[in-house]
Protein backbone atom coordinates (compact mmCIF):
# COMPACT_ATOMS: atom_id res chain seq x y z
CA UNK A 1 -15.86 27.32 24.14
CA UNK A 2 -12.26 26.31 23.49
CA UNK A 3 -11.71 25.91 27.23
CA UNK A 4 -14.78 23.66 27.44
CA UNK A 5 -13.46 21.52 24.56
CA UNK A 6 -10.04 21.23 26.20
CA UNK A 7 -11.68 20.27 29.50
CA UNK A 8 -13.74 17.56 27.76
CA UNK A 9 -10.54 16.07 26.30
CA UNK A 10 -8.90 16.09 29.73
CA UNK A 11 -11.87 14.13 31.11
CA UNK A 12 -11.74 11.82 28.06
CA UNK A 13 -15.36 12.78 27.45
CA UNK A 14 -15.12 12.54 23.68
CA UNK A 15 -18.87 12.64 23.09
CA UNK A 16 -19.11 16.05 24.74
CA UNK A 17 -15.96 17.19 22.93
CA UNK A 18 -17.47 16.16 19.58
CA UNK A 19 -20.68 18.11 20.25
CA UNK A 20 -18.76 21.22 21.31
CA UNK A 21 -16.45 21.04 18.27
CA UNK A 22 -19.45 20.67 15.96
CA UNK A 23 -21.11 23.69 17.56
CA UNK A 24 -17.92 25.78 17.29
CA UNK A 25 -17.33 25.00 13.61
CA UNK A 26 -20.97 25.70 12.80
CA UNK A 27 -20.49 29.19 14.21
CA UNK A 28 -16.95 29.66 12.85
CA UNK A 29 -16.24 27.22 9.96
CA UNK A 30 -12.69 28.57 9.48
CA UNK A 31 -11.68 28.37 13.13
CA UNK A 32 -8.28 26.65 13.07
CA UNK A 33 -8.41 25.72 16.74
CA UNK A 34 -11.64 23.91 15.97
CA UNK A 35 -9.92 22.06 13.11
CA UNK A 36 -7.05 21.13 15.42
CA UNK A 37 -9.49 19.62 17.90
CA UNK A 38 -11.16 17.68 15.07
CA UNK A 39 -7.78 16.06 14.44
CA UNK A 40 -7.35 15.39 18.15
CA UNK A 41 -10.81 13.78 18.29
CA UNK A 42 -9.97 11.52 15.36
CA UNK A 43 -6.71 10.61 17.07
CA UNK A 44 -8.29 9.73 20.41
CA UNK A 45 -11.00 7.61 18.77
CA UNK A 46 -8.51 5.55 16.74
CA UNK A 47 -9.08 7.18 13.35
CA UNK A 48 -5.39 7.79 12.80
CA UNK A 49 -5.47 8.33 9.04
CA UNK A 50 -8.14 11.03 9.32
CA UNK A 51 -6.26 12.65 12.19
CA UNK A 52 -3.07 12.77 10.15
CA UNK A 53 -4.91 14.37 7.23
CA UNK A 54 -6.26 17.13 9.49
CA UNK A 55 -2.88 17.85 11.08
CA UNK A 56 -1.14 18.01 7.71
CA UNK A 57 -3.83 20.27 6.24
CA UNK A 58 -3.35 22.65 9.15
CA UNK A 59 0.41 22.74 8.63
CA UNK A 60 -0.14 23.77 5.02
CA UNK A 61 -2.02 26.90 6.12
CA UNK A 62 0.02 30.00 5.12
CA UNK A 63 -0.88 32.06 8.21
CA UNK A 64 -0.98 29.40 10.90
CA UNK A 65 -0.79 30.36 14.57
CA UNK A 66 2.53 29.18 16.05
CA UNK A 67 0.81 27.39 18.93
CA UNK A 68 -1.53 25.55 16.57
CA UNK A 69 1.41 24.58 14.34
CA UNK A 70 3.31 23.23 17.34
CA UNK A 71 0.34 21.18 18.51
CA UNK A 72 -0.28 19.84 14.99
CA UNK A 73 3.35 18.68 14.76
CA UNK A 74 3.08 17.17 18.23
CA UNK A 75 -0.07 15.37 17.10
CA UNK A 76 1.76 13.90 14.10
CA UNK A 77 4.54 12.69 16.38
CA UNK A 78 2.01 11.10 18.74
CA UNK A 79 0.39 9.35 15.79
CA UNK A 80 3.73 8.02 14.60
CA UNK A 81 4.53 6.71 18.08
CA UNK A 82 1.10 5.12 18.47
CA UNK A 83 1.26 3.38 15.10
CA UNK A 84 4.79 2.19 15.86
CA UNK A 85 3.70 0.84 19.24
CA UNK A 86 0.68 -0.91 17.73
CA UNK A 87 2.91 -2.49 15.08
CA UNK A 88 5.49 -3.65 17.63
CA UNK A 89 2.76 -5.18 19.79
CA UNK A 90 1.19 -6.95 16.80
CA UNK A 91 4.58 -8.28 15.67
CA UNK A 92 5.38 -9.55 19.17
CA UNK A 93 2.03 -11.35 19.33
CA UNK A 94 2.51 -12.85 15.87
CA UNK A 95 6.05 -14.01 16.64
CA UNK A 96 4.84 -15.72 19.81
CA UNK A 97 3.62 -18.48 17.48
CA UNK A 98 6.71 -20.71 16.89
CA UNK A 99 6.24 -21.23 13.14
CA UNK A 100 6.02 -17.47 12.62
CA UNK A 101 9.70 -17.02 13.45
CA UNK A 102 10.82 -18.69 10.22
CA UNK A 103 12.32 -16.40 7.54
CA UNK A 104 10.30 -15.16 4.61
CA UNK A 105 9.88 -12.24 2.26
CA UNK A 106 7.18 -9.72 1.42
CA UNK A 107 6.45 -8.83 -2.21
CA UNK A 108 4.65 -5.72 -3.47
CA UNK A 109 2.49 -6.23 -6.54
CA UNK A 110 2.28 -3.63 -9.33
CA UNK A 111 -0.06 -0.67 -8.90
CA UNK A 112 -1.22 1.25 -11.96
CA UNK A 113 -4.23 3.09 -13.29
CA UNK A 114 -6.30 5.87 -11.80
CA UNK A 115 -5.92 4.68 -8.20
CA UNK A 116 -2.11 4.80 -8.23
CA UNK A 117 -1.85 8.43 -7.06
CA UNK A 118 -4.02 7.76 -4.01
CA UNK A 119 -2.27 4.49 -3.21
CA UNK A 120 1.15 6.17 -3.47
CA UNK A 121 -0.04 8.71 -0.89
CA UNK A 122 -1.21 5.91 1.39
CA UNK A 123 2.10 4.11 0.96
CA UNK A 124 4.07 7.27 1.78
CA UNK A 125 2.01 7.81 4.92
CA UNK A 126 2.35 4.20 6.04
CA UNK A 127 6.11 4.03 5.44
CA UNK A 128 6.66 7.58 6.75
CA UNK A 129 8.47 8.61 3.55
CA UNK A 130 8.00 11.45 1.09
CA UNK A 131 5.75 11.09 -1.95
CA UNK A 132 8.66 11.03 -4.42
CA UNK A 133 10.35 8.12 -2.63
CA UNK A 134 7.02 6.30 -2.35
CA UNK A 135 6.43 6.77 -6.09
CA UNK A 136 9.78 5.13 -6.83
CA UNK A 137 9.38 2.27 -4.36
CA UNK A 138 5.82 1.30 -5.28
CA UNK A 139 6.05 -0.87 -8.42
CA UNK A 140 4.05 0.03 -11.51
CA UNK A 141 4.80 -2.97 -13.77
CA UNK A 142 6.72 -5.68 -11.92
CA UNK A 143 6.91 -7.26 -8.49
CA UNK A 144 9.17 -5.62 -5.94
CA UNK A 145 10.83 -7.29 -2.98
CA UNK A 146 9.74 -5.04 -0.13
CA UNK A 147 10.98 -6.68 3.03
CA UNK A 148 12.81 -9.67 4.51
CA UNK A 149 12.02 -10.90 7.99
CA UNK A 150 10.19 -13.41 10.11
CA UNK A 151 6.80 -14.61 8.95
CA UNK A 152 5.09 -13.03 11.96
CA UNK A 153 6.60 -9.64 11.17
CA UNK A 154 5.72 -9.90 7.48
CA UNK A 155 2.10 -10.80 8.27
CA UNK A 156 1.72 -7.56 10.21
CA UNK A 157 3.30 -5.41 7.49
CA UNK A 158 1.24 -7.15 4.80
CA UNK A 159 -1.98 -6.46 6.68
CA UNK A 160 -1.07 -2.79 7.05
CA UNK A 161 -0.35 -2.53 3.33
CA UNK A 162 -3.54 -4.32 2.33
CA UNK A 163 -5.59 -2.11 4.65
CA UNK A 164 -4.60 0.94 2.57
CA UNK A 165 -5.21 -0.76 -0.76
CA UNK A 166 -1.70 -2.01 -1.60
CA UNK A 167 -1.67 -5.52 -3.07
CA UNK A 168 1.09 -7.68 -1.62
CA UNK A 169 1.85 -11.19 -0.47
CA UNK A 170 4.34 -12.90 1.81
CA UNK A 171 6.02 -16.27 1.36
CA UNK A 172 8.08 -18.40 3.77
CA UNK A 173 11.43 -19.31 2.20
CA UNK A 174 10.85 -22.87 3.41
CA UNK A 175 7.85 -23.13 1.06
CA UNK A 176 10.08 -22.37 -1.91
CA UNK A 177 12.53 -25.03 -0.74
CA UNK A 178 9.70 -27.58 -0.60
CA UNK A 179 8.86 -27.26 -4.30
CA UNK A 180 10.34 -30.20 -6.18
CA UNK A 181 12.39 -29.36 -9.27
CA UNK A 182 13.10 -31.93 -11.98
CA UNK A 183 15.78 -31.27 -14.60
CA UNK A 184 14.33 -32.26 -17.97
CA UNK A 185 16.81 -34.18 -20.12
CA UNK A 186 14.40 -34.52 -23.03
CA UNK A 187 10.79 -35.11 -24.06
CA UNK A 188 10.23 -38.69 -25.13
CA UNK A 189 6.67 -37.88 -26.24
CA UNK A 190 4.43 -34.86 -26.74
CA UNK A 191 1.14 -36.69 -27.31
CA UNK A 192 -1.27 -38.11 -26.40
CA UNK A 193 0.37 -37.27 -23.08
CA UNK A 194 3.70 -35.47 -22.73
CA UNK A 195 6.43 -37.58 -21.18
CA UNK A 196 9.84 -36.38 -20.03
CA UNK A 197 13.01 -38.11 -19.02
CA UNK A 198 14.24 -36.10 -16.07
CA UNK A 199 16.60 -35.98 -13.13
CA UNK A 200 15.49 -35.38 -9.56
CA UNK A 201 17.30 -33.55 -6.77
CA UNK A 202 19.38 -36.66 -6.00
CA UNK A 203 20.39 -36.96 -9.69
CA UNK A 204 18.23 -40.06 -10.12
CA UNK A 205 16.90 -40.38 -13.68
CA UNK A 206 13.26 -41.30 -14.21
CA UNK A 207 10.20 -40.81 -16.40
CA UNK A 208 7.35 -38.41 -15.70
CA UNK A 209 4.11 -38.39 -17.68
CA UNK A 210 1.56 -35.61 -17.25
CA UNK A 211 -1.22 -33.75 -19.05
CA UNK A 212 -0.74 -30.40 -20.75
CA UNK A 213 -3.62 -29.11 -18.64
CA UNK A 214 -1.48 -29.78 -15.55
CA UNK A 215 0.84 -26.92 -16.57
CA UNK A 216 -0.52 -23.88 -14.73
CA UNK A 217 2.08 -21.42 -16.03
CA UNK A 218 5.51 -21.15 -17.60
CA UNK A 219 8.45 -19.10 -16.37
CA UNK A 220 11.32 -18.13 -18.63
CA UNK A 221 14.57 -16.35 -17.94
CA UNK A 222 18.13 -15.75 -19.09
CA UNK A 223 21.05 -16.50 -16.80
CA UNK A 224 24.35 -14.72 -17.51
CA UNK A 225 27.52 -16.71 -18.10
CA UNK A 226 30.60 -14.92 -16.82
CA UNK A 227 34.15 -15.28 -18.08
CA UNK A 228 37.39 -13.88 -16.75
CA UNK A 229 38.95 -11.70 -19.46
CA UNK A 230 41.99 -9.46 -19.85
CA UNK A 231 41.08 -5.82 -20.36
CA UNK A 232 42.89 -2.49 -20.33
CA UNK A 233 42.38 0.03 -17.56
CA UNK A 234 42.22 3.79 -18.12
CA UNK A 235 46.05 3.93 -18.16
CA UNK A 236 46.30 1.23 -20.79
CA UNK A 237 47.53 -1.42 -18.35
CA UNK A 238 46.20 -4.96 -18.50
CA UNK A 239 43.80 -6.09 -15.78
CA UNK A 240 41.61 -9.14 -15.30
CA UNK A 241 37.86 -8.55 -15.20
CA UNK A 242 34.73 -10.66 -15.06
CA UNK A 243 32.40 -9.97 -17.96
CA UNK A 244 29.17 -11.44 -19.25
CA UNK A 245 30.04 -13.54 -22.28
CA UNK A 246 26.68 -15.14 -23.00
CA UNK A 247 23.26 -16.03 -21.61
CA UNK A 248 21.67 -19.42 -21.01
CA UNK A 249 17.92 -19.76 -21.45
CA UNK A 250 15.86 -21.47 -18.73
CA UNK A 251 12.23 -22.49 -19.14
CA UNK A 252 10.12 -23.80 -16.25
CA UNK A 253 6.83 -25.65 -16.51
CA UNK A 254 4.82 -25.42 -13.28
CA UNK A 255 2.75 -28.43 -12.23
CA UNK A 256 1.15 -27.29 -8.94
CA UNK A 257 -1.06 -30.39 -8.70
CA UNK A 258 2.18 -32.37 -8.29
CA UNK A 259 4.02 -29.66 -6.35
CA UNK A 260 6.82 -29.70 -8.90
CA UNK A 261 8.59 -27.70 -11.57
CA UNK A 262 9.93 -29.20 -14.78
CA UNK A 263 13.06 -27.21 -15.61
CA UNK A 264 14.39 -27.08 -19.16
CA UNK A 265 17.85 -25.65 -19.73
CA UNK A 266 19.16 -24.59 -23.12
CA UNK A 267 22.68 -25.91 -22.53
CA UNK A 268 21.81 -29.28 -20.97
CA UNK A 269 18.73 -30.36 -22.92
CA UNK A 270 19.54 -33.49 -24.97
CA UNK A 271 18.37 -32.38 -28.41
CA UNK A 272 19.44 -35.61 -30.11
CA UNK A 273 17.11 -37.70 -27.96
CA UNK A 274 13.38 -38.09 -27.70
CA UNK A 275 10.71 -36.57 -29.85
CA UNK A 276 11.02 -37.29 -33.56
CA UNK A 277 10.82 -33.65 -34.64
CA UNK A 278 14.20 -33.05 -33.03
CA UNK A 279 15.86 -36.46 -33.22
CA UNK A 280 15.50 -37.17 -36.93
CA UNK A 281 16.17 -33.74 -38.43
CA UNK A 282 19.70 -34.00 -39.80
CA UNK A 283 19.79 -30.31 -40.65
CA UNK A 284 18.70 -29.39 -37.14
CA UNK A 285 21.32 -31.62 -35.54
CA UNK A 286 24.03 -29.59 -37.21
CA UNK A 287 22.74 -26.29 -35.91
CA UNK A 288 23.58 -24.47 -32.70
CA UNK A 289 21.94 -25.06 -29.34
CA UNK A 290 20.12 -21.73 -29.65
CA UNK A 291 18.34 -22.79 -32.85
CA UNK A 292 17.60 -26.20 -31.38
CA UNK A 293 16.24 -24.50 -28.27
CA UNK A 294 14.00 -22.18 -30.26
CA UNK A 295 12.67 -25.16 -32.20
CA UNK A 296 11.93 -26.97 -28.94
CA UNK A 297 10.00 -23.98 -27.59
CA UNK A 298 8.00 -23.84 -30.80
CA UNK A 299 7.01 -27.44 -30.19
CA UNK A 300 5.88 -26.57 -26.65
CA UNK A 301 4.04 -23.43 -27.73
CA UNK A 302 1.46 -25.42 -29.65
CA UNK A 303 -0.12 -27.32 -26.72
CA UNK A 304 0.65 -24.50 -24.26
CA UNK A 305 -0.53 -21.55 -26.36
CA UNK A 306 -3.09 -20.49 -23.73
CA UNK A 307 -0.84 -21.07 -20.73
CA UNK A 308 0.40 -17.85 -19.04
CA UNK A 309 4.11 -17.16 -19.41
CA UNK A 310 6.06 -15.10 -16.86
CA UNK A 311 9.05 -13.39 -18.46
CA UNK A 312 9.98 -10.55 -16.08
CA UNK A 313 12.86 -12.37 -14.41
CA UNK A 314 15.65 -10.03 -15.55
CA UNK A 315 14.05 -6.97 -13.92
CA UNK A 316 13.25 -8.94 -10.77
CA UNK A 317 16.72 -10.50 -10.65
CA UNK A 318 18.53 -7.17 -10.96
CA UNK A 319 16.42 -5.75 -8.15
CA UNK A 320 16.99 -8.77 -5.88
CA UNK A 321 20.75 -8.79 -6.46
CA UNK A 322 20.94 -5.09 -5.67
CA UNK A 323 18.95 -5.54 -2.46
CA UNK A 324 20.98 -8.59 -1.45
CA UNK A 325 24.00 -6.31 -1.02
CA UNK A 326 22.35 -4.81 2.06
CA UNK A 327 21.39 -8.16 3.63
CA UNK A 328 23.72 -9.04 6.50
CA UNK A 329 22.84 -12.76 6.68
CA UNK A 330 22.35 -14.03 3.13
CA UNK A 331 21.91 -17.63 4.36
CA UNK A 332 18.29 -16.69 5.10
CA UNK A 333 17.82 -15.07 1.71
CA UNK A 334 19.33 -16.34 -1.56
CA UNK A 335 21.35 -18.92 0.34
CA UNK A 336 18.31 -20.36 2.06
CA UNK A 337 17.42 -22.88 -0.66
CA UNK A 338 18.89 -24.89 -3.53
CA UNK A 339 18.87 -23.00 -6.83
CA UNK A 340 18.39 -26.23 -8.83
CA UNK A 341 20.45 -24.63 -11.59
CA UNK A 342 23.06 -27.02 -12.96
CA UNK A 343 25.34 -24.83 -15.06
CA UNK A 344 29.09 -25.23 -15.37
CA UNK A 345 30.45 -22.07 -13.77
CA UNK A 346 33.87 -20.90 -12.64
CA UNK A 347 32.30 -19.43 -9.52
CA UNK A 348 28.88 -19.31 -7.91
CA UNK A 349 26.58 -16.41 -8.72
CA UNK A 350 23.44 -15.11 -7.03
CA UNK A 351 21.70 -15.06 -10.41
CA UNK A 352 21.00 -18.80 -10.06
CA UNK A 353 19.14 -18.70 -6.71
CA UNK A 354 17.47 -15.46 -7.86
CA UNK A 355 15.82 -17.38 -10.71
CA UNK A 356 14.71 -20.14 -8.36
CA UNK A 357 13.30 -17.46 -6.05
CA UNK A 358 11.40 -15.83 -8.91
CA UNK A 359 10.02 -19.09 -10.28
CA UNK A 360 9.14 -20.28 -6.77
CA UNK A 361 7.28 -17.05 -6.01
CA UNK A 362 5.28 -17.35 -9.23
CA UNK A 363 4.50 -20.97 -8.35
CA UNK A 364 3.33 -20.22 -4.81
CA UNK A 365 1.50 -16.98 -5.62
CA UNK A 366 -0.59 -18.54 -8.36
CA UNK A 367 -1.16 -21.64 -6.27
CA UNK A 368 -2.55 -19.49 -3.44
CA UNK A 369 -4.83 -17.62 -5.86
CA UNK A 370 -6.24 -20.91 -7.11
CA UNK A 371 -6.80 -22.32 -3.62
CA UNK A 372 -10.23 -21.50 -2.12
CA UNK A 373 -10.01 -19.35 1.01
């Protein structure tokens, strides 16, 4: 019967092959050649995931025939080549659309709960990596930057990930650059409508009045301030190093209906101006910026108590800065947009555009979730 099955495959008569395989396994349920042909049938009919499962199960058999083992490994290699070819074809088709050649990035969303084990296995299979590496790369609590590339390429990878149950999204860097960012100098009023005096991208000062309900979410983060200091090396000799001396708090208010972000900065907010609670408190005026800042946030927490706050920037920023070391052309990554961070620094740092990237991703991701399909 094995010769008949092999002959059916040669003729590409998969219906006959399926009937013969079914008959064989009914007579001999443990026949490993029959199991091998089940995998081959799955492979030839486009059920690649099932075919891979069969081949891998065979290779785990302790007393596997050498010929069967060789064919199972060959089957896995064929599957890898087929999937790779399908992906390359899909990417080429996607990139044939002019707008799909613009740079973007692909973000993996956290996976937790009972389904994580299965999804990790799917991720390992898709990425052709071992389970341990997949476990480390698939985020459990925070977003993870998975890939940089053209939009067309990212669309293909995103679809593959989503097909195996992995939540992800892709964003063109140009979309982040299109979000307007206003630097808040101070609040002139908190009610009945909040009003801010702010600076636009061209440093023009103006007034913006909005409703608290316009704020879809808040994003907060700490940006390190570096100073050049004299330190001693292991031999006791003096050397100059760059160390983190302090952190500056940033707080973004997202107004998607106006396609803008109101950015508050601890070091540049004008505490002596605007709302009475800050302007007339003599005791407060004599305190540090940090206490003034905390008091300001307390004022904002009252009308925005139910507004989601994103505060995972530090974890995201560390990951992005580490990955940026492997990016050859950073102009299409952290250098692809204005950070809109106006801190007095001795030298530029990637922490600033990393925060804009994080806040922009939060802005666009939540905007897409709110937009009807």
